[in-house]
Amino acid sequence: MSGAKLRLGPLPKSTTVKVVVTLPADLKDMLDRYAAQHSQAYGESVDAVSLIPHMLMHFMARDRAFKGRVQLARPSSRS
């Protein structure tokens, strides 16, 4: 890789919940290629499945419309 930083930085450690999704084959191929570049850029082996939750979090954190709605309609905390 040319030393350019990827949008998704090093992956943080986190608690997980399993969710099953079906992806188009071309999207899975792109995710695999991104994972290979991410592994090379940050020196830590990572697969596409590990990247998906972080990519979604990154996307949602930067969606202004979503953030505005979330602030207006915060769900009550679970008891």
PDB file of N, CA and C in Angstrom:
ATOM      1  N   MET A   1       0.845  -1.178   0.000  1.00  0.00           N
ATOM      2  CA  MET A   1       0.000   0.000   0.000  1.00  0.00           C
ATOM      3  C   MET A   1       0.884   1.231   0.000  1.00  0.00           C
ATOM      4  N   SER A   2       0.404   2.330  -0.509  1.00  0.00           N
ATOM      5  CA  SER A   2       1.202   3.533  -0.704  1.00  0.00           C
ATOM      6  C   SER A   2       1.363   4.368   0.563  1.00  0.00           C
ATOM      7  N   GLY A   3       0.960   3.892   1.699  1.00  0.00           N
ATOM      8  CA  GLY A   3       1.075   4.661   2.929  1.00  0.00           C
ATOM      9  C   GLY A   3      -0.125   5.544   3.217  1.00  0.00           C
ATOM     10  N   ALA A   4      -1.095   5.579   2.319  1.00  0.00           N
ATOM     11  CA  ALA A   4      -2.307   6.359   2.553  1.00  0.00           C
ATOM     12  C   ALA A   4      -3.109   5.700   3.665  1.00  0.00           C
ATOM     13  N   LYS A   5      -3.642   6.526   4.558  1.00  0.00           N
ATOM     14  CA  LYS A   5      -4.442   5.983   5.650  1.00  0.00           C
ATOM     15  C   LYS A   5      -5.829   5.626   5.149  1.00  0.00           C
ATOM     16  N   LEU A   6      -6.339   4.531   5.645  1.00  0.00           N
ATOM     17  CA  LEU A   6      -7.707   4.123   5.336  1.00  0.00           C
ATOM     18  C   LEU A   6      -8.651   4.896   6.242  1.00  0.00           C
ATOM     19  N   ARG A   7      -9.877   5.061   5.805  1.00  0.00           N
ATOM     20  CA  ARG A   7     -10.872   5.758   6.627  1.00  0.00           C
ATOM     21  C   ARG A   7     -11.099   5.060   7.949  1.00  0.00           C
ATOM     22  N   LEU A   8     -11.083   3.753   7.920  1.00  0.00           N
ATOM     23  CA  LEU A   8     -11.288   2.967   9.130  1.00  0.00           C
ATOM     24  C   LEU A   8      -9.928   2.716   9.760  1.00  0.00           C
ATOM     25  N   GLY A   9      -9.711   3.269  10.946  1.00  0.00           N
ATOM     26  CA  GLY A   9      -8.428   3.115  11.621  1.00  0.00           C
ATOM     27  C   GLY A   9      -8.301   1.769  12.301  1.00  0.00           C
ATOM     28  N   PRO A  10      -7.325   1.632  13.185  1.00  0.00           N
ATOM     29  CA  PRO A  10      -7.150   0.373  13.920  1.00  0.00           C
ATOM     30  C   PRO A  10      -8.433   0.018  14.670  1.00  0.00           C
ATOM     31  N   LEU A  11      -8.703  -1.261  14.789  1.00  0.00           N
ATOM     32  CA  LEU A  11      -9.953  -1.708  15.407  1.00  0.00           C
ATOM     33  C   LEU A  11      -9.849  -1.749  16.924  1.00  0.00           C
ATOM     34  N   PRO A  12     -10.840  -1.165  17.609  1.00  0.00           N
ATOM     35  CA  PRO A  12     -10.851  -1.234  19.073  1.00  0.00           C
ATOM     36  C   PRO A  12     -11.399  -2.588  19.535  1.00  0.00           C
ATOM     37  N   LYS A  13     -11.105  -2.932  20.759  1.00  0.00           N
ATOM     38  CA  LYS A  13     -11.689  -4.138  21.349  1.00  0.00           C
ATOM     39  C   LYS A  13     -13.098  -3.786  21.817  1.00  0.00           C
ATOM     40  N   SER A  14     -14.045  -4.721  21.662  1.00  0.00           N
ATOM     41  CA  SER A  14     -15.413  -4.416  22.077  1.00  0.00           C
ATOM     42  C   SER A  14     -16.181  -5.696  22.385  1.00  0.00           C
ATOM     43  N   THR A  15     -17.310  -5.534  23.059  1.00  0.00           N
ATOM     44  CA  THR A  15     -18.227  -6.635  23.323  1.00  0.00           C
ATOM     45  C   THR A  15     -19.050  -6.853  22.054  1.00  0.00           C
ATOM     46  N   THR A  16     -19.372  -8.097  21.734  1.00  0.00           N
ATOM     47  CA  THR A  16     -20.061  -8.374  20.475  1.00  0.00           C
ATOM     48  C   THR A  16     -21.390  -9.096  20.672  1.00  0.00           C
ATOM     49  N   VAL A  17     -22.248  -8.959  19.679  1.00  0.00           N
ATOM     50  CA  VAL A  17     -23.519  -9.663  19.577  1.00  0.00           C
ATOM     51  C   VAL A  17     -23.587 -10.194  18.154  1.00  0.00           C
ATOM     52  N   LYS A  18     -23.984 -11.431  17.976  1.00  0.00           N
ATOM     53  CA  LYS A  18     -24.013 -12.027  16.647  1.00  0.00           C
ATOM     54  C   LYS A  18     -25.266 -11.604  15.879  1.00  0.00           C
ATOM     55  N   VAL A  19     -25.049 -11.141  14.638  1.00  0.00           N
ATOM     56  CA  VAL A  19     -26.115 -10.771  13.712  1.00  0.00           C
ATOM     57  C   VAL A  19     -25.753 -11.402  12.370  1.00  0.00           C
ATOM     58  N   VAL A  20     -26.703 -12.022  11.719  1.00  0.00           N
ATOM     59  CA  VAL A  20     -26.449 -12.678  10.440  1.00  0.00           C
ATOM     60  C   VAL A  20     -27.005 -11.805   9.318  1.00  0.00           C
ATOM     61  N   VAL A  21     -26.171 -11.543   8.296  1.00  0.00           N
ATOM     62  CA  VAL A  21     -26.593 -10.774   7.126  1.00  0.00           C
ATOM     63  C   VAL A  21     -26.199 -11.519   5.859  1.00  0.00           C
ATOM     64  N   THR A  22     -26.917 -11.234   4.788  1.00  0.00           N
ATOM     65  CA  THR A  22     -26.597 -11.791   3.480  1.00  0.00           C
ATOM     66  C   THR A  22     -26.121 -10.649   2.600  1.00  0.00           C
ATOM     67  N   LEU A  23     -24.956 -10.831   1.979  1.00  0.00           N
ATOM     68  CA  LEU A  23     -24.356  -9.792   1.155  1.00  0.00           C
ATOM     69  C   LEU A  23     -24.246 -10.254  -0.288  1.00  0.00           C
ATOM     70  N   PRO A  24     -24.301  -9.320  -1.231  1.00  0.00           N
ATOM     71  CA  PRO A  24     -24.005  -9.670  -2.616  1.00  0.00           C
ATOM     72  C   PRO A  24     -22.539 -10.108  -2.718  1.00  0.00           C
ATOM     73  N   ALA A  25     -22.252 -11.028  -3.615  1.00  0.00           N
ATOM     74  CA  ALA A  25     -20.897 -11.565  -3.761  1.00  0.00           C
ATOM     75  C   ALA A  25     -19.882 -10.466  -4.065  1.00  0.00           C
ATOM     76  N   ASP A  26     -20.247  -9.479  -4.882  1.00  0.00           N
ATOM     77  CA  ASP A  26     -19.290  -8.428  -5.211  1.00  0.00           C
ATOM     78  C   ASP A  26     -18.974  -7.558  -4.000  1.00  0.00           C
ATOM     79  N   LEU A  27     -19.940  -7.344  -3.114  1.00  0.00           N
ATOM     80  CA  LEU A  27     -19.675  -6.594  -1.890  1.00  0.00           C
ATOM     81  C   LEU A  27     -18.736  -7.381  -0.980  1.00  0.00           C
ATOM     82  N   LYS A  28     -18.953  -8.676  -0.854  1.00  0.00           N
ATOM     83  CA  LYS A  28     -18.065  -9.517  -0.033  1.00  0.00           C
ATOM     84  C   LYS A  28     -16.644  -9.473  -0.582  1.00  0.00           C
ATOM     85  N   ASP A  29     -16.497  -9.498  -1.908  1.00  0.00           N
ATOM     86  CA  ASP A  29     -15.167  -9.400  -2.517  1.00  0.00           C
ATOM     87  C   ASP A  29     -14.509  -8.065  -2.174  1.00  0.00           C
ATOM     88  N   MET A  30     -15.276  -6.979  -2.241  1.00  0.00           N
ATOM     89  CA  MET A  30     -14.729  -5.661  -1.893  1.00  0.00           C
ATOM     90  C   MET A  30     -14.319  -5.615  -0.423  1.00  0.00           C
ATOM     91  N   LEU A  31     -15.145  -6.200   0.446  1.00  0.00           N
ATOM     92  CA  LEU A  31     -14.811  -6.238   1.875  1.00  0.00           C
ATOM     93  C   LEU A  31     -13.540  -7.037   2.117  1.00  0.00           C
ATOM     94  N   ASP A  32     -13.379  -8.141   1.409  1.00  0.00           N
ATOM     95  CA  ASP A  32     -12.160  -8.947   1.542  1.00  0.00           C
ATOM     96  C   ASP A  32     -10.931  -8.151   1.106  1.00  0.00           C
ATOM     97  N   ARG A  33     -11.065  -7.406   0.007  1.00  0.00           N
ATOM     98  CA  ARG A  33      -9.946  -6.582  -0.465  1.00  0.00           C
ATOM     99  C   ARG A  33      -9.641  -5.471   0.540  1.00  0.00           C
ATOM    100  N   TYR A  34     -10.683  -4.868   1.096  1.00  0.00           N
ATOM    101  CA  TYR A  34     -10.476  -3.819   2.101  1.00  0.00           C
ATOM    102  C   TYR A  34      -9.778  -4.415   3.325  1.00  0.00           C
ATOM    103  N   ALA A  35     -10.204  -5.583   3.747  1.00  0.00           N
ATOM    104  CA  ALA A  35      -9.585  -6.238   4.911  1.00  0.00           C
ATOM    105  C   ALA A  35      -8.103  -6.498   4.657  1.00  0.00           C
ATOM    106  N   ALA A  36      -7.762  -6.912   3.453  1.00  0.00           N
ATOM    107  CA  ALA A  36      -6.357  -7.157   3.117  1.00  0.00           C
ATOM    108  C   ALA A  36      -5.562  -5.860   3.199  1.00  0.00           C
ATOM    109  N   GLN A  37      -6.123  -4.766   2.685  1.00  0.00           N
ATOM    110  CA  GLN A  37      -5.435  -3.477   2.755  1.00  0.00           C
ATOM    111  C   GLN A  37      -5.333  -2.982   4.195  1.00  0.00           C
ATOM    112  N   HIS A  38      -6.387  -3.189   4.971  1.00  0.00           N
ATOM    113  CA  HIS A  38      -6.380  -2.792   6.381  1.00  0.00           C
ATOM    114  C   HIS A  38      -5.299  -3.567   7.128  1.00  0.00           C
ATOM    115  N   SER A  39      -5.213  -4.859   6.885  1.00  0.00           N
ATOM    116  CA  SER A  39      -4.196  -5.689   7.535  1.00  0.00           C
ATOM    117  C   SER A  39      -2.800  -5.184   7.201  1.00  0.00           C
ATOM    118  N   GLN A  40      -2.593  -4.847   5.949  1.00  0.00           N
ATOM    119  CA  GLN A  40      -1.292  -4.350   5.515  1.00  0.00           C
ATOM    120  C   GLN A  40      -0.998  -2.980   6.131  1.00  0.00           C
ATOM    121  N   ALA A  41      -1.982  -2.114   6.168  1.00  0.00           N
ATOM    122  CA  ALA A  41      -1.787  -0.750   6.674  1.00  0.00           C
ATOM    123  C   ALA A  41      -1.488  -0.719   8.165  1.00  0.00           C
ATOM    124  N   TYR A  42      -2.127  -1.599   8.934  1.00  0.00           N
ATOM    125  CA  TYR A  42      -2.006  -1.550  10.383  1.00  0.00           C
ATOM    126  C   TYR A  42      -1.237  -2.720  10.984  1.00  0.00           C
ATOM    127  N   GLY A  43      -0.731  -3.617  10.143  1.00  0.00           N
ATOM    128  CA  GLY A  43       0.137  -4.684  10.626  1.00  0.00           C
ATOM    129  C   GLY A  43      -0.522  -5.716  11.506  1.00  0.00           C
ATOM    130  N   GLU A  44      -1.838  -5.798  11.447  1.00  0.00           N
ATOM    131  CA  GLU A  44      -2.575  -6.792  12.233  1.00  0.00           C
ATOM    132  C   GLU A  44      -3.582  -7.468  11.322  1.00  0.00           C
ATOM    133  N   SER A  45      -3.525  -8.787  11.267  1.00  0.00           N
ATOM    134  CA  SER A  45      -4.417  -9.536  10.391  1.00  0.00           C
ATOM    135  C   SER A  45      -5.870  -9.365  10.827  1.00  0.00           C
ATOM    136  N   VAL A  46      -6.729  -9.028   9.851  1.00  0.00           N
ATOM    137  CA  VAL A  46      -8.147  -8.849  10.131  1.00  0.00           C
ATOM    138  C   VAL A  46      -8.932  -9.351   8.922  1.00  0.00           C
ATOM    139  N   ASP A  47     -10.105  -9.940   9.177  1.00  0.00           N
ATOM    140  CA  ASP A  47     -10.932 -10.413   8.064  1.00  0.00           C
ATOM    141  C   ASP A  47     -12.127  -9.478   7.879  1.00  0.00           C
ATOM    142  N   ALA A  48     -12.829  -9.655   6.772  1.00  0.00           N
ATOM    143  CA  ALA A  48     -13.964  -8.790   6.441  1.00  0.00           C
ATOM    144  C   ALA A  48     -15.047  -8.838   7.517  1.00  0.00           C
ATOM    145  N   VAL A  49     -15.300  -9.995   8.070  1.00  0.00           N
ATOM    146  CA  VAL A  49     -16.349 -10.136   9.086  1.00  0.00           C
ATOM    147  C   VAL A  49     -16.035  -9.268  10.306  1.00  0.00           C
ATOM    148  N   SER A  50     -14.774  -9.169  10.676  1.00  0.00           N
ATOM    149  CA  SER A  50     -14.383  -8.337  11.813  1.00  0.00           C
ATOM    150  C   SER A  50     -14.497  -6.857  11.500  1.00  0.00           C
ATOM    151  N   LEU A  51     -14.338  -6.487  10.243  1.00  0.00           N
ATOM    152  CA  LEU A  51     -14.399  -5.080   9.855  1.00  0.00           C
ATOM    153  C   LEU A  51     -15.824  -4.532   9.784  1.00  0.00           C
ATOM    154  N   ILE A  52     -16.777  -5.357   9.407  1.00  0.00           N
ATOM    155  CA  ILE A  52     -18.137  -4.885   9.140  1.00  0.00           C
ATOM    156  C   ILE A  52     -18.736  -4.084  10.296  1.00  0.00           C
ATOM    157  N   PRO A  53     -18.693  -4.555  11.548  1.00  0.00           N
ATOM    158  CA  PRO A  53     -19.303  -3.761  12.617  1.00  0.00           C
ATOM    159  C   PRO A  53     -18.631  -2.398  12.792  1.00  0.00           C
ATOM    160  N   HIS A  54     -17.320  -2.349  12.623  1.00  0.00           N
ATOM    161  CA  HIS A  54     -16.601  -1.090  12.778  1.00  0.00           C
ATOM    162  C   HIS A  54     -16.910  -0.137  11.629  1.00  0.00           C
ATOM    163  N   MET A  55     -17.082  -0.676  10.435  1.00  0.00           N
ATOM    164  CA  MET A  55     -17.453   0.151   9.285  1.00  0.00           C
ATOM    165  C   MET A  55     -18.847   0.740   9.500  1.00  0.00           C
ATOM    166  N   LEU A  56     -19.767  -0.069  10.000  1.00  0.00           N
ATOM    167  CA  LEU A  56     -21.119   0.419  10.263  1.00  0.00           C
ATOM    168  C   LEU A  56     -21.128   1.485  11.360  1.00  0.00           C
ATOM    169  N   MET A  57     -20.361   1.269  12.413  1.00  0.00           N
ATOM    170  CA  MET A  57     -20.289   2.256  13.489  1.00  0.00           C
ATOM    171  C   MET A  57     -19.707   3.565  12.967  1.00  0.00           C
ATOM    172  N   HIS A  58     -18.656   3.464  12.152  1.00  0.00           N
ATOM    173  CA  HIS A  58     -18.023   4.638  11.558  1.00  0.00           C
ATOM    174  C   HIS A  58     -19.017   5.399  10.686  1.00  0.00           C
ATOM    175  N   PHE A  59     -19.751   4.670   9.876  1.00  0.00           N
ATOM    176  CA  PHE A  59     -20.748   5.275   8.999  1.00  0.00           C
ATOM    177  C   PHE A  59     -21.839   5.975   9.809  1.00  0.00           C
ATOM    178  N   MET A  60     -22.386   5.290  10.795  1.00  0.00           N
ATOM    179  CA  MET A  60     -23.489   5.849  11.577  1.00  0.00           C
ATOM    180  C   MET A  60     -23.046   7.035  12.420  1.00  0.00           C
ATOM    181  N   ALA A  61     -21.823   7.006  12.915  1.00  0.00           N
ATOM    182  CA  ALA A  61     -21.319   8.110  13.729  1.00  0.00           C
ATOM    183  C   ALA A  61     -21.177   9.388  12.919  1.00  0.00           C
ATOM    184  N   ARG A  62     -21.069   9.258  11.607  1.00  0.00           N
ATOM    185  CA  ARG A  62     -20.889  10.429  10.760  1.00  0.00           C
ATOM    186  C   ARG A  62     -22.137  10.820   9.979  1.00  0.00           C
ATOM    187  N   ASP A  63     -23.229  10.138  10.212  1.00  0.00           N
ATOM    188  CA  ASP A  63     -24.490  10.460   9.533  1.00  0.00           C
ATOM    189  C   ASP A  63     -25.209  11.535  10.351  1.00  0.00           C
ATOM    190  N   ARG A  64     -25.134  12.767   9.894  1.00  0.00           N
ATOM    191  CA  ARG A  64     -25.693  13.891  10.654  1.00  0.00           C
ATOM    192  C   ARG A  64     -27.192  13.761  10.879  1.00  0.00           C
ATOM    193  N   ALA A  65     -27.918  13.343   9.858  1.00  0.00           N
ATOM    194  CA  ALA A  65     -29.372  13.206  10.003  1.00  0.00           C
ATOM    195  C   ALA A  65     -29.712  12.167  11.068  1.00  0.00           C
ATOM    196  N   PHE A  66     -29.005  11.054  11.061  1.00  0.00           N
ATOM    197  CA  PHE A  66     -29.248  10.007  12.053  1.00  0.00           C
ATOM    198  C   PHE A  66     -28.907  10.512  13.452  1.00  0.00           C
ATOM    199  N   LYS A  67     -27.767  11.151  13.600  1.00  0.00           N
ATOM    200  CA  LYS A  67     -27.366  11.649  14.915  1.00  0.00           C
ATOM    201  C   LYS A  67     -28.371  12.645  15.456  1.00  0.00           C
ATOM    202  N   GLY A  68     -28.913  13.502  14.597  1.00  0.00           N
ATOM    203  CA  GLY A  68     -29.909  14.463  15.034  1.00  0.00           C
ATOM    204  C   GLY A  68     -31.171  13.791  15.529  1.00  0.00           C
ATOM    205  N   ARG A  69     -31.613  12.773  14.824  1.00  0.00           N
ATOM    206  CA  ARG A  69     -32.827  12.047  15.229  1.00  0.00           C
ATOM    207  C   ARG A  69     -32.601  11.257  16.505  1.00  0.00           C
ATOM    208  N   VAL A  70     -31.425  10.686  16.658  1.00  0.00           N
ATOM    209  CA  VAL A  70     -31.119   9.910  17.861  1.00  0.00           C
ATOM    210  C   VAL A  70     -31.145  10.822  19.082  1.00  0.00           C
ATOM    211  N   GLN A  71     -30.604  12.027  18.941  1.00  0.00           N
ATOM    212  CA  GLN A  71     -30.608  12.954  20.075  1.00  0.00           C
ATOM    213  C   GLN A  71     -32.018  13.385  20.440  1.00  0.00           C
ATOM    214  N   LEU A  72     -32.908  13.510  19.447  1.00  0.00           N
ATOM    215  CA  LEU A  72     -34.288  13.911  19.724  1.00  0.00           C
ATOM    216  C   LEU A  72     -35.110  12.779  20.333  1.00  0.00           C
ATOM    217  N   ALA A  73     -34.802  11.554  19.989  1.00  0.00           N
ATOM    218  CA  ALA A  73     -35.619  10.421  20.430  1.00  0.00           C
ATOM    219  C   ALA A  73     -34.755   9.379  21.141  1.00  0.00           C
ATOM    220  N   ARG A  74     -34.051   9.787  22.170  1.00  0.00           N
ATOM    221  CA  ARG A  74     -33.231   8.833  22.908  1.00  0.00           C
ATOM    222  C   ARG A  74     -34.119   7.812  23.600  1.00  0.00           C
ATOM    223  N   PRO A  75     -33.810   6.523  23.378  1.00  0.00           N
ATOM    224  CA  PRO A  75     -34.613   5.490  24.066  1.00  0.00           C
ATOM    225  C   PRO A  75     -34.311   5.488  25.564  1.00  0.00           C
ATOM    226  N   SER A  76     -35.298   5.102  26.332  1.00  0.00           N
ATOM    227  CA  SER A  76     -35.083   5.024  27.775  1.00  0.00           C
ATOM    228  C   SER A  76     -34.134   3.868  28.064  1.00  0.00           C
ATOM    229  N   SER A  77     -33.369   3.988  29.138  1.00  0.00           N
ATOM    230  CA  SER A  77     -32.425   2.928  29.467  1.00  0.00           C
ATOM    231  C   SER A  77     -33.170   1.697  29.963  1.00  0.00           C
ATOM    232  N   ARG A  78     -32.597   0.545  29.649  1.00  0.00           N
ATOM    233  CA  ARG A  78     -33.215  -0.715  30.066  1.00  0.00           C
ATOM    234  C   ARG A  78     -33.035  -0.929  31.556  1.00  0.00           C
ATOM    235  N   SER A  79     -34.018  -1.504  32.188  1.00  0.00           N
ATOM    236  CA  SER A  79     -33.924  -1.779  33.623  1.00  0.00           C
ATOM    237  C   SER A  79     -33.644  -3.233  33.857  1.00  0.00           C
TER     238      SER A  79
END
